[in-house]
Amino acid sequence: MKLMDYGLTPIDFQNPPAVADPQRDDGLSRRMFVMTSLASGFAVASSPVLAEVITTDTKGLVAGEVRIPVAGGQMPAYRAMPSKPGKYPVVLVVQEIFGVHEHIKDVCRRYAKLGYFAIAPELFARQGDVSKMTDIGQILSTVVAKVPDAQVNADLDATVAFARASGRAQADRLGLVGFCWGGRAAWVYANHNPKLKAAVAYYGLLDGMKSDIKPQDPIEFASDLKVPVLGLYAGTDAYVKAETVEKMSAGLRKSGSGSEIVVFPKVDHGFNADYRPTYDKTTATYAAKLAHNWLKDHGV
């Protein structure tokens, strides 16, 4: 599957289209890190990159790759924060299926410009380097389908610990913003970590991902959620149906968490991704303002 098809037609995420990778050793990749540093530029499978792509400069920032101690080794991550001395609220930026490529790095810089210690860990580092993969089916079947929720939660916990230890972060003022795959991770991590002040989930899947390594879909724990999460969803998304969003919203209303879902009509999955054909500038700009306000309003 190529980029032009992603977000426009449904995918069975439980049984993604398999693409053989003769160079991949799944057993080995689970025991050690496949990625020891971040890739540069955009993921191959996300090409062609569109003309609308936003590039945020590093003026007034400290920005670049860091390594986070985690179980089994060190995980690469991209961190951006104001260069002015001080401690800043933390925003975890959680990647799409394309990994921590240039778009996710740019999102970190955007939040750093707003006064945050923004950090995006490469959460696929053990399972595979998606930056070099050319087909979305290959990414889904050989990497994404094999990343356990418990691993993601533990790696995000380690990222918070790294931020706290840096001396530049107010780790008690902790927020999270996740996109696509990271949008689902936003709901899951909010359920995992009650110390999270707030999260924003951009068009993350709400059901259909449950497996042995993903024990619950967000729709199953919606009524138990304690952390306020803002869901930003697309009205024509083939992956997240309107009835699923309504069921999730009904659960959230029972939770008392104050969580909300906003659905933008006439836009598709990936409306924030300025390098993709589903990008919608008006919606992305407004959604970014809602996301920032949500974090601020909840103490991040």
C-alpha atoms as a PDB file:
ATOM      1  CA  MET A   1       0.000   0.000   0.000  1.00  0.00           C
ATOM      2  CA  LYS A   2       1.317   3.413  -0.958  1.00  0.00           C
ATOM      3  CA  LEU A   3       0.857   6.768   0.756  1.00  0.00           C
ATOM      4  CA  MET A   4      -1.897   7.971  -1.556  1.00  0.00           C
ATOM      5  CA  ASP A   5      -4.064   5.059  -0.381  1.00  0.00           C
ATOM      6  CA  TYR A   6      -3.344   5.369   3.337  1.00  0.00           C
ATOM      7  CA  GLY A   7      -6.217   7.009   5.171  1.00  0.00           C
ATOM      8  CA  LEU A   8      -8.548   6.701   2.210  1.00  0.00           C
ATOM      9  CA  THR A   9      -9.501   3.019   2.389  1.00  0.00           C
ATOM     10  CA  PRO A  10     -10.103   0.744   5.388  1.00  0.00           C
ATOM     11  CA  ILE A  11      -7.351  -1.531   6.678  1.00  0.00           C
ATOM     12  CA  ASP A  12      -7.791  -4.624   8.824  1.00  0.00           C
ATOM     13  CA  PHE A  13      -5.201  -3.687  11.428  1.00  0.00           C
ATOM     14  CA  GLN A  14      -5.463  -7.139  12.996  1.00  0.00           C
ATOM     15  CA  ASN A  15      -4.453  -8.723   9.679  1.00  0.00           C
ATOM     16  CA  PRO A  16      -2.517  -6.095   7.710  1.00  0.00           C
ATOM     17  CA  PRO A  17      -1.284  -6.960   4.230  1.00  0.00           C
ATOM     18  CA  ALA A  18       1.862  -8.998   4.785  1.00  0.00           C
ATOM     19  CA  VAL A  19       5.048  -8.078   2.974  1.00  0.00           C
ATOM     20  CA  ALA A  20       8.004 -10.393   3.310  1.00  0.00           C
ATOM     21  CA  ASP A  21      11.225  -8.910   4.628  1.00  0.00           C
ATOM     22  CA  PRO A  22      14.037 -11.411   4.137  1.00  0.00           C
ATOM     23  CA  GLN A  23      16.497  -9.283   6.104  1.00  0.00           C
ATOM     24  CA  ARG A  24      14.339  -9.189   9.183  1.00  0.00           C
ATOM     25  CA  ASP A  25      14.877 -11.543  12.162  1.00  0.00           C
ATOM     26  CA  ASP A  26      11.883 -11.096  14.429  1.00  0.00           C
ATOM     27  CA  GLY A  27      13.413 -13.035  17.303  1.00  0.00           C
ATOM     28  CA  LEU A  28      16.575 -10.974  17.214  1.00  0.00           C
ATOM     29  CA  SER A  29      14.719  -7.672  16.906  1.00  0.00           C
ATOM     30  CA  ARG A  30      12.791  -8.400  20.082  1.00  0.00           C
ATOM     31  CA  ARG A  31      16.002  -8.947  22.054  1.00  0.00           C
ATOM     32  CA  MET A  32      17.974  -5.927  20.901  1.00  0.00           C
ATOM     33  CA  PHE A  33      17.458  -2.524  19.352  1.00  0.00           C
ATOM     34  CA  VAL A  34      17.116  -2.400  15.598  1.00  0.00           C
ATOM     35  CA  MET A  35      17.448   1.388  15.681  1.00  0.00           C
ATOM     36  CA  THR A  36      20.239   2.997  17.683  1.00  0.00           C
ATOM     37  CA  SER A  37      19.767   6.455  16.194  1.00  0.00           C
ATOM     38  CA  LEU A  38      17.022   8.376  14.425  1.00  0.00           C
ATOM     39  CA  ALA A  39      16.649   8.511  10.689  1.00  0.00           C
ATOM     40  CA  SER A  40      16.965  11.845   8.929  1.00  0.00           C
ATOM     41  CA  GLY A  41      14.320  13.391   6.693  1.00  0.00           C
ATOM     42  CA  PHE A  42      11.021  11.672   5.954  1.00  0.00           C
ATOM     43  CA  ALA A  43      10.223   7.983   5.972  1.00  0.00           C
ATOM     44  CA  VAL A  44      10.549   6.420   2.515  1.00  0.00           C
ATOM     45  CA  ALA A  45       6.943   5.155   2.606  1.00  0.00           C
ATOM     46  CA  SER A  46       5.669   8.684   3.213  1.00  0.00           C
ATOM     47  CA  SER A  47       6.977   9.953  -0.126  1.00  0.00           C
ATOM     48  CA  PRO A  48       6.231  11.988  -2.118  1.00  0.00           C
ATOM     49  CA  VAL A  49       6.440  14.824   0.387  1.00  0.00           C
ATOM     50  CA  LEU A  50       3.963  17.552  -0.486  1.00  0.00           C
ATOM     51  CA  ALA A  51       4.756  21.222  -1.043  1.00  0.00           C
ATOM     52  CA  GLU A  52       2.739  22.252   2.033  1.00  0.00           C
ATOM     53  CA  VAL A  53       5.249  20.697   4.429  1.00  0.00           C
ATOM     54  CA  ILE A  54       5.983  22.961   7.396  1.00  0.00           C
ATOM     55  CA  THR A  55       9.544  23.454   8.601  1.00  0.00           C
ATOM     56  CA  THR A  56      10.002  25.068  12.012  1.00  0.00           C
ATOM     57  CA  ASP A  57      13.451  26.534  12.639  1.00  0.00           C
ATOM     58  CA  THR A  58      15.559  25.958  15.738  1.00  0.00           C
ATOM     59  CA  LYS A  59      16.154  29.626  16.559  1.00  0.00           C
ATOM     60  CA  GLY A  60      15.908  30.046  20.317  1.00  0.00           C
ATOM     61  CA  LEU A  61      15.790  26.279  20.828  1.00  0.00           C
ATOM     62  CA  VAL A  62      17.978  23.418  21.882  1.00  0.00           C
ATOM     63  CA  ALA A  63      16.933  20.653  19.513  1.00  0.00           C
ATOM     64  CA  GLY A  64      18.317  17.327  18.397  1.00  0.00           C
ATOM     65  CA  GLU A  65      18.664  13.643  19.067  1.00  0.00           C
ATOM     66  CA  VAL A  66      19.054  12.189  22.561  1.00  0.00           C
ATOM     67  CA  ARG A  67      19.200   8.634  23.902  1.00  0.00           C
ATOM     68  CA  ILE A  68      16.910   7.417  26.640  1.00  0.00           C
ATOM     69  CA  PRO A  69      17.876   4.543  28.969  1.00  0.00           C
ATOM     70  CA  VAL A  70      15.188   1.855  28.771  1.00  0.00           C
ATOM     71  CA  ALA A  71      14.916  -1.863  29.376  1.00  0.00           C
ATOM     72  CA  GLY A  72      17.356  -3.598  27.058  1.00  0.00           C
ATOM     73  CA  GLY A  73      19.444  -0.604  26.037  1.00  0.00           C
ATOM     74  CA  GLN A  74      19.037   2.971  24.858  1.00  0.00           C
ATOM     75  CA  MET A  75      16.168   4.290  22.783  1.00  0.00           C
ATOM     76  CA  PRO A  76      16.759   7.189  20.369  1.00  0.00           C
ATOM     77  CA  ALA A  77      14.480  10.210  20.674  1.00  0.00           C
ATOM     78  CA  TYR A  78      14.147  13.740  19.376  1.00  0.00           C
ATOM     79  CA  ARG A  79      14.034  16.530  21.954  1.00  0.00           C
ATOM     80  CA  ALA A  80      13.368  20.235  21.505  1.00  0.00           C
ATOM     81  CA  MET A  81      13.116  22.899  24.214  1.00  0.00           C
ATOM     82  CA  PRO A  82      13.722  26.623  24.665  1.00  0.00           C
ATOM     83  CA  SER A  83      17.420  27.508  24.926  1.00  0.00           C
ATOM     84  CA  LYS A  84      16.713  30.040  27.659  1.00  0.00           C
ATOM     85  CA  PRO A  85      17.702  28.611  31.076  1.00  0.00           C
ATOM     86  CA  GLY A  86      14.807  27.266  33.066  1.00  0.00           C
ATOM     87  CA  LYS A  87      12.509  24.293  33.499  1.00  0.00           C
ATOM     88  CA  TYR A  88       9.674  23.698  31.085  1.00  0.00           C
ATOM     89  CA  PRO A  89       6.475  21.612  31.079  1.00  0.00           C
ATOM     90  CA  VAL A  90       6.870  18.302  29.274  1.00  0.00           C
ATOM     91  CA  VAL A  91       4.978  17.246  26.151  1.00  0.00           C
ATOM     92  CA  LEU A  92       5.465  13.683  24.971  1.00  0.00           C
ATOM     93  CA  VAL A  93       5.033  13.615  21.187  1.00  0.00           C
ATOM     94  CA  VAL A  94       4.019  10.169  19.996  1.00  0.00           C
ATOM     95  CA  GLN A  95       4.702   9.154  16.425  1.00  0.00           C
ATOM     96  CA  GLU A  96       2.582   7.964  13.527  1.00  0.00           C
ATOM     97  CA  ILE A  97       3.296   4.601  11.881  1.00  0.00           C
ATOM     98  CA  PHE A  98       6.170   6.274  10.007  1.00  0.00           C
ATOM     99  CA  GLY A  99       8.236   6.645  13.181  1.00  0.00           C
ATOM    100  CA  VAL A 100      10.063   9.720  14.413  1.00  0.00           C
ATOM    101  CA  HIS A 101      10.714  11.223  11.006  1.00  0.00           C
ATOM    102  CA  GLU A 102      10.919  14.890  10.039  1.00  0.00           C
ATOM    103  CA  HIS A 103       7.250  15.702  10.574  1.00  0.00           C
ATOM    104  CA  ILE A 104       7.278  14.436  14.172  1.00  0.00           C
ATOM    105  CA  LYS A 105      10.544  16.259  14.824  1.00  0.00           C
ATOM    106  CA  ASP A 106       8.940  19.424  13.516  1.00  0.00           C
ATOM    107  CA  VAL A 107       5.966  18.964  15.854  1.00  0.00           C
ATOM    108  CA  CYS A 108       8.469  18.834  18.725  1.00  0.00           C
ATOM    109  CA  ARG A 109       9.985  22.114  17.571  1.00  0.00           C
ATOM    110  CA  ARG A 110       6.520  23.697  17.317  1.00  0.00           C
ATOM    111  CA  TYR A 111       5.789  22.812  20.937  1.00  0.00           C
ATOM    112  CA  ALA A 112       9.249  23.950  22.025  1.00  0.00           C
ATOM    113  CA  LYS A 113       8.505  27.338  20.453  1.00  0.00           C
ATOM    114  CA  LEU A 114       5.437  27.453  22.728  1.00  0.00           C
ATOM    115  CA  GLY A 115       7.620  26.943  25.790  1.00  0.00           C
ATOM    116  CA  TYR A 116       7.647  23.157  26.238  1.00  0.00           C
ATOM    117  CA  PHE A 117      10.225  20.445  26.735  1.00  0.00           C
ATOM    118  CA  ALA A 118       8.948  18.360  23.809  1.00  0.00           C
ATOM    119  CA  ILE A 119      10.300  14.875  23.251  1.00  0.00           C
ATOM    120  CA  ALA A 120       9.445  12.114  20.773  1.00  0.00           C
ATOM    121  CA  PRO A 121      10.888   8.668  21.585  1.00  0.00           C
ATOM    122  CA  GLU A 122      11.315   6.205  18.715  1.00  0.00           C
ATOM    123  CA  LEU A 123       8.872   3.629  20.038  1.00  0.00           C
ATOM    124  CA  PHE A 124       9.514   1.152  17.202  1.00  0.00           C
ATOM    125  CA  ALA A 125      13.254   1.001  17.910  1.00  0.00           C
ATOM    126  CA  ARG A 126      13.179  -2.635  19.013  1.00  0.00           C
ATOM    127  CA  GLN A 127      10.890  -3.942  16.277  1.00  0.00           C
ATOM    128  CA  GLY A 128      12.194  -2.317  13.108  1.00  0.00           C
ATOM    129  CA  ASP A 129      13.397   0.742  11.221  1.00  0.00           C
ATOM    130  CA  VAL A 130      10.282   1.906   9.388  1.00  0.00           C
ATOM    131  CA  SER A 131      12.147   4.833   7.854  1.00  0.00           C
ATOM    132  CA  LYS A 132      13.698   2.503   5.286  1.00  0.00           C
ATOM    133  CA  MET A 133      10.543   0.558   4.443  1.00  0.00           C
ATOM    134  CA  THR A 134       8.834   1.396   1.167  1.00  0.00           C
ATOM    135  CA  ASP A 135       5.369  -0.049   1.688  1.00  0.00           C
ATOM    136  CA  ILE A 136       2.769   0.712   4.380  1.00  0.00           C
ATOM    137  CA  GLY A 137       1.660  -2.923   4.487  1.00  0.00           C
ATOM    138  CA  GLN A 138       5.207  -3.908   5.344  1.00  0.00           C
ATOM    139  CA  ILE A 139       5.330  -1.324   8.131  1.00  0.00           C
ATOM    140  CA  LEU A 140       2.050  -2.571   9.595  1.00  0.00           C
ATOM    141  CA  SER A 141       2.744  -6.293   9.377  1.00  0.00           C
ATOM    142  CA  THR A 142       6.437  -6.473  10.282  1.00  0.00           C
ATOM    143  CA  VAL A 143       6.666  -3.680  12.855  1.00  0.00           C
ATOM    144  CA  VAL A 144       3.467  -2.005  14.068  1.00  0.00           C
ATOM    145  CA  ALA A 145       1.586  -5.252  14.702  1.00  0.00           C
ATOM    146  CA  LYS A 146       4.437  -6.467  16.939  1.00  0.00           C
ATOM    147  CA  VAL A 147       4.756  -3.504  19.329  1.00  0.00           C
ATOM    148  CA  PRO A 148       3.155  -4.369  22.710  1.00  0.00           C
ATOM    149  CA  ASP A 149       1.176  -1.733  24.606  1.00  0.00           C
ATOM    150  CA  ALA A 150       3.125  -2.621  27.762  1.00  0.00           C
ATOM    151  CA  GLN A 151       6.385  -1.825  25.968  1.00  0.00           C
ATOM    152  CA  VAL A 152       5.037   1.518  24.746  1.00  0.00           C
ATOM    153  CA  ASN A 153       3.843   2.485  28.216  1.00  0.00           C
ATOM    154  CA  ALA A 154       7.155   1.496  29.807  1.00  0.00           C
ATOM    155  CA  ASP A 155       9.149   3.416  27.189  1.00  0.00           C
ATOM    156  CA  LEU A 156       7.011   6.516  27.698  1.00  0.00           C
ATOM    157  CA  ASP A 157       7.536   6.179  31.469  1.00  0.00           C
ATOM    158  CA  ALA A 158      11.278   6.046  30.800  1.00  0.00           C
ATOM    159  CA  THR A 159      11.001   9.144  28.618  1.00  0.00           C
ATOM    160  CA  VAL A 160       9.346  11.025  31.485  1.00  0.00           C
ATOM    161  CA  ALA A 161      12.120   9.864  33.828  1.00  0.00           C
ATOM    162  CA  PHE A 162      14.713  11.082  31.296  1.00  0.00           C
ATOM    163  CA  ALA A 163      13.051  14.488  31.122  1.00  0.00           C
ATOM    164  CA  ARG A 164      12.931  14.740  34.909  1.00  0.00           C
ATOM    165  CA  ALA A 165      16.613  13.802  35.230  1.00  0.00           C
ATOM    166  CA  SER A 166      17.656  16.400  32.645  1.00  0.00           C
ATOM    167  CA  GLY A 167      17.144  19.269  35.072  1.00  0.00           C
ATOM    168  CA  ARG A 168      15.356  21.233  32.332  1.00  0.00           C
ATOM    169  CA  ALA A 169      11.849  19.853  32.724  1.00  0.00           C
ATOM    170  CA  GLN A 170       8.877  20.290  35.025  1.00  0.00           C
ATOM    171  CA  ALA A 171       7.954  16.649  34.811  1.00  0.00           C
ATOM    172  CA  ASP A 172       4.969  17.099  37.139  1.00  0.00           C
ATOM    173  CA  ARG A 173       3.431  19.247  34.369  1.00  0.00           C
ATOM    174  CA  LEU A 174       3.179  16.382  31.902  1.00  0.00           C
ATOM    175  CA  GLY A 175       1.154  16.258  28.700  1.00  0.00           C
ATOM    176  CA  LEU A 176       1.060  14.053  25.620  1.00  0.00           C
ATOM    177  CA  VAL A 177       0.120  14.603  21.985  1.00  0.00           C
ATOM    178  CA  GLY A 178      -0.146  11.575  19.701  1.00  0.00           C
ATOM    179  CA  PHE A 179      -0.906  11.180  15.997  1.00  0.00           C
ATOM    180  CA  CYS A 180      -2.512   8.232  14.177  1.00  0.00           C
ATOM    181  CA  TRP A 181      -0.815   5.190  15.814  1.00  0.00           C
ATOM    182  CA  GLY A 182       0.290   7.645  18.489  1.00  0.00           C
ATOM    183  CA  GLY A 183      -3.303   8.832  18.838  1.00  0.00           C
ATOM    184  CA  ARG A 184      -4.292   5.387  20.040  1.00  0.00           C
ATOM    185  CA  ALA A 185      -1.196   5.340  22.265  1.00  0.00           C
ATOM    186  CA  ALA A 186      -2.403   8.627  23.801  1.00  0.00           C
ATOM    187  CA  TRP A 187      -5.583   6.953  25.063  1.00  0.00           C
ATOM    188  CA  VAL A 188      -3.680   3.880  26.259  1.00  0.00           C
ATOM    189  CA  TYR A 189      -1.009   5.861  28.095  1.00  0.00           C
ATOM    190  CA  ALA A 190      -3.623   8.121  29.693  1.00  0.00           C
ATOM    191  CA  ASN A 191      -5.240   4.988  31.083  1.00  0.00           C
ATOM    192  CA  HIS A 192      -1.830   3.737  32.258  1.00  0.00           C
ATOM    193  CA  ASN A 193      -0.408   6.868  33.910  1.00  0.00           C
ATOM    194  CA  PRO A 194      -2.738   8.807  36.243  1.00  0.00           C
ATOM    195  CA  LYS A 195      -0.009  11.431  36.741  1.00  0.00           C
ATOM    196  CA  LEU A 196      -0.454  12.592  33.165  1.00  0.00           C
ATOM    197  CA  LYS A 197      -2.142  15.997  33.353  1.00  0.00           C
ATOM    198  CA  ALA A 198      -3.735  15.831  29.908  1.00  0.00           C
ATOM    199  CA  ALA A 199      -3.422  14.228  26.491  1.00  0.00           C
ATOM    200  CA  VAL A 200      -4.475  14.935  22.924  1.00  0.00           C
ATOM    201  CA  ALA A 201      -5.256  12.066  20.557  1.00  0.00           C
ATOM    202  CA  TYR A 202      -5.255  12.897  16.855  1.00  0.00           C
ATOM    203  CA  TYR A 203      -7.396  10.341  14.947  1.00  0.00           C
ATOM    204  CA  GLY A 204      -6.161   7.329  16.918  1.00  0.00           C
ATOM    205  CA  LEU A 205      -7.937   4.020  16.466  1.00  0.00           C
ATOM    206  CA  LEU A 206     -10.538   3.344  19.148  1.00  0.00           C
ATOM    207  CA  ASP A 207     -11.190  -0.322  18.435  1.00  0.00           C
ATOM    208  CA  GLY A 208     -10.054  -3.171  16.214  1.00  0.00           C
ATOM    209  CA  MET A 209      -6.512  -3.469  17.591  1.00  0.00           C
ATOM    210  CA  LYS A 210      -7.096  -5.821  20.518  1.00  0.00           C
ATOM    211  CA  SER A 211      -4.667  -8.766  20.690  1.00  0.00           C
ATOM    212  CA  ASP A 212      -2.450 -10.644  23.109  1.00  0.00           C
ATOM    213  CA  ILE A 213      -0.024  -7.701  23.152  1.00  0.00           C
ATOM    214  CA  LYS A 214      -2.755  -5.055  23.036  1.00  0.00           C
ATOM    215  CA  PRO A 215      -5.112  -6.267  25.778  1.00  0.00           C
ATOM    216  CA  GLN A 216      -7.690  -3.474  25.547  1.00  0.00           C
ATOM    217  CA  ASP A 217      -8.993  -1.119  22.918  1.00  0.00           C
ATOM    218  CA  PRO A 218      -9.634   2.472  24.098  1.00  0.00           C
ATOM    219  CA  ILE A 219     -13.366   1.999  23.640  1.00  0.00           C
ATOM    220  CA  GLU A 220     -13.265  -0.702  26.338  1.00  0.00           C
ATOM    221  CA  PHE A 221     -11.791   1.496  29.079  1.00  0.00           C
ATOM    222  CA  ALA A 222     -13.388   4.819  28.104  1.00  0.00           C
ATOM    223  CA  SER A 223     -15.729   4.861  31.094  1.00  0.00           C
ATOM    224  CA  ASP A 224     -12.835   4.186  33.500  1.00  0.00           C
ATOM    225  CA  LEU A 225     -10.525   6.903  32.222  1.00  0.00           C
ATOM    226  CA  LYS A 226      -9.302   9.440  34.809  1.00  0.00           C
ATOM    227  CA  VAL A 227      -6.974  11.632  32.722  1.00  0.00           C
ATOM    228  CA  PRO A 228      -8.620  14.290  30.506  1.00  0.00           C
ATOM    229  CA  VAL A 229      -8.030  13.418  26.861  1.00  0.00           C
ATOM    230  CA  LEU A 230      -9.045  15.534  23.890  1.00  0.00           C
ATOM    231  CA  GLY A 231      -9.769  13.446  20.809  1.00  0.00           C
ATOM    232  CA  LEU A 232      -9.409  15.201  17.462  1.00  0.00           C
ATOM    233  CA  TYR A 233     -11.062  13.137  14.737  1.00  0.00           C
ATOM    234  CA  ALA A 234     -11.959  13.358  11.054  1.00  0.00           C
ATOM    235  CA  GLY A 235     -15.509  13.155   9.756  1.00  0.00           C
ATOM    236  CA  THR A 236     -14.643  11.068   6.676  1.00  0.00           C
ATOM    237  CA  ASP A 237     -12.054   8.779   8.315  1.00  0.00           C
ATOM    238  CA  ALA A 238     -12.319   5.249   6.900  1.00  0.00           C
ATOM    239  CA  TYR A 239     -10.523   3.868   9.977  1.00  0.00           C
ATOM    240  CA  VAL A 240     -12.690   5.376  12.727  1.00  0.00           C
ATOM    241  CA  LYS A 241     -16.401   5.216  12.011  1.00  0.00           C
ATOM    242  CA  ALA A 242     -18.912   7.761  13.325  1.00  0.00           C
ATOM    243  CA  GLU A 243     -20.710   5.123  15.375  1.00  0.00           C
ATOM    244  CA  THR A 244     -17.415   4.143  17.024  1.00  0.00           C
ATOM    245  CA  VAL A 245     -16.711   7.750  17.955  1.00  0.00           C
ATOM    246  CA  GLU A 246     -20.191   8.092  19.439  1.00  0.00           C
ATOM    247  CA  LYS A 247     -19.757   4.919  21.494  1.00  0.00           C
ATOM    248  CA  MET A 248     -16.391   6.187  22.743  1.00  0.00           C
ATOM    249  CA  SER A 249     -17.902   9.569  23.605  1.00  0.00           C
ATOM    250  CA  ALA A 250     -20.694   7.884  25.562  1.00  0.00           C
ATOM    251  CA  GLY A 251     -18.117   5.986  27.586  1.00  0.00           C
ATOM    252  CA  LEU A 252     -16.103   9.125  28.234  1.00  0.00           C
ATOM    253  CA  ARG A 253     -19.172  10.921  29.548  1.00  0.00           C
ATOM    254  CA  LYS A 254     -19.500   8.205  32.187  1.00  0.00           C
ATOM    255  CA  SER A 255     -15.838   8.477  33.193  1.00  0.00           C
ATOM    256  CA  GLY A 256     -15.913  11.867  34.876  1.00  0.00           C
ATOM    257  CA  SER A 257     -12.485  12.557  33.347  1.00  0.00           C
ATOM    258  CA  GLY A 258     -13.672  15.595  31.405  1.00  0.00           C
ATOM    259  CA  SER A 259     -12.453  13.987  28.193  1.00  0.00           C
ATOM    260  CA  GLU A 260     -13.977  15.159  24.920  1.00  0.00           C
ATOM    261  CA  ILE A 261     -13.948  14.270  21.243  1.00  0.00           C
ATOM    262  CA  VAL A 262     -14.154  16.858  18.466  1.00  0.00           C
ATOM    263  CA  VAL A 263     -14.991  15.620  14.981  1.00  0.00           C
ATOM    264  CA  PHE A 264     -14.064  17.857  12.057  1.00  0.00           C
ATOM    265  CA  PRO A 265     -16.461  17.389   9.122  1.00  0.00           C
ATOM    266  CA  LYS A 266     -15.322  16.867   5.531  1.00  0.00           C
ATOM    267  CA  VAL A 267     -11.694  16.093   6.402  1.00  0.00           C
ATOM    268  CA  ASP A 268      -9.887  12.760   6.446  1.00  0.00           C
ATOM    269  CA  HIS A 269      -7.490  10.788   8.597  1.00  0.00           C
ATOM    270  CA  GLY A 270      -4.107  12.524   8.690  1.00  0.00           C
ATOM    271  CA  PHE A 271      -5.453  16.069   8.404  1.00  0.00           C
ATOM    272  CA  ASN A 272      -2.568  17.356  10.520  1.00  0.00           C
ATOM    273  CA  ALA A 273       0.185  15.662   8.479  1.00  0.00           C
ATOM    274  CA  ASP A 274       1.326  18.497   6.216  1.00  0.00           C
ATOM    275  CA  TYR A 275       3.410  16.171   4.041  1.00  0.00           C
ATOM    276  CA  ARG A 276       0.478  13.886   3.154  1.00  0.00           C
ATOM    277  CA  PRO A 277      -2.405  14.230   0.660  1.00  0.00           C
ATOM    278  CA  THR A 278      -5.008  14.234   3.466  1.00  0.00           C
ATOM    279  CA  TYR A 279      -3.548  17.418   5.010  1.00  0.00           C
ATOM    280  CA  ASP A 280      -6.050  20.204   5.593  1.00  0.00           C
ATOM    281  CA  LYS A 281      -4.409  23.459   6.607  1.00  0.00           C
ATOM    282  CA  THR A 282      -7.498  25.133   8.083  1.00  0.00           C
ATOM    283  CA  THR A 283      -8.401  22.133  10.220  1.00  0.00           C
ATOM    284  CA  ALA A 284      -4.808  21.482  11.260  1.00  0.00           C
ATOM    285  CA  THR A 285      -4.332  25.081  12.377  1.00  0.00           C
ATOM    286  CA  TYR A 286      -7.528  25.111  14.406  1.00  0.00           C
ATOM    287  CA  ALA A 287      -6.845  21.670  15.875  1.00  0.00           C
ATOM    288  CA  ALA A 288      -3.357  22.758  16.972  1.00  0.00           C
ATOM    289  CA  LYS A 289      -4.898  25.698  18.827  1.00  0.00           C
ATOM    290  CA  LEU A 290      -7.427  23.408  20.515  1.00  0.00           C
ATOM    291  CA  ALA A 291      -4.633  21.011  21.493  1.00  0.00           C
ATOM    292  CA  HIS A 292      -2.465  23.747  22.982  1.00  0.00           C
ATOM    293  CA  ASN A 293      -5.375  25.260  24.883  1.00  0.00           C
ATOM    294  CA  TRP A 294      -6.339  21.832  26.210  1.00  0.00           C
ATOM    295  CA  LEU A 295      -2.857  21.289  27.601  1.00  0.00           C
ATOM    296  CA  LYS A 296      -2.691  24.772  29.137  1.00  0.00           C
ATOM    297  CA  ASP A 297      -6.166  24.511  30.634  1.00  0.00           C
ATOM    298  CA  HIS A 298      -5.164  21.301  32.395  1.00  0.00           C
ATOM    299  CA  GLY A 299      -1.935  22.612  33.869  1.00  0.00           C
ATOM    300  CA  VAL A 300       0.615  21.606  31.227  1.00  0.00           C
END
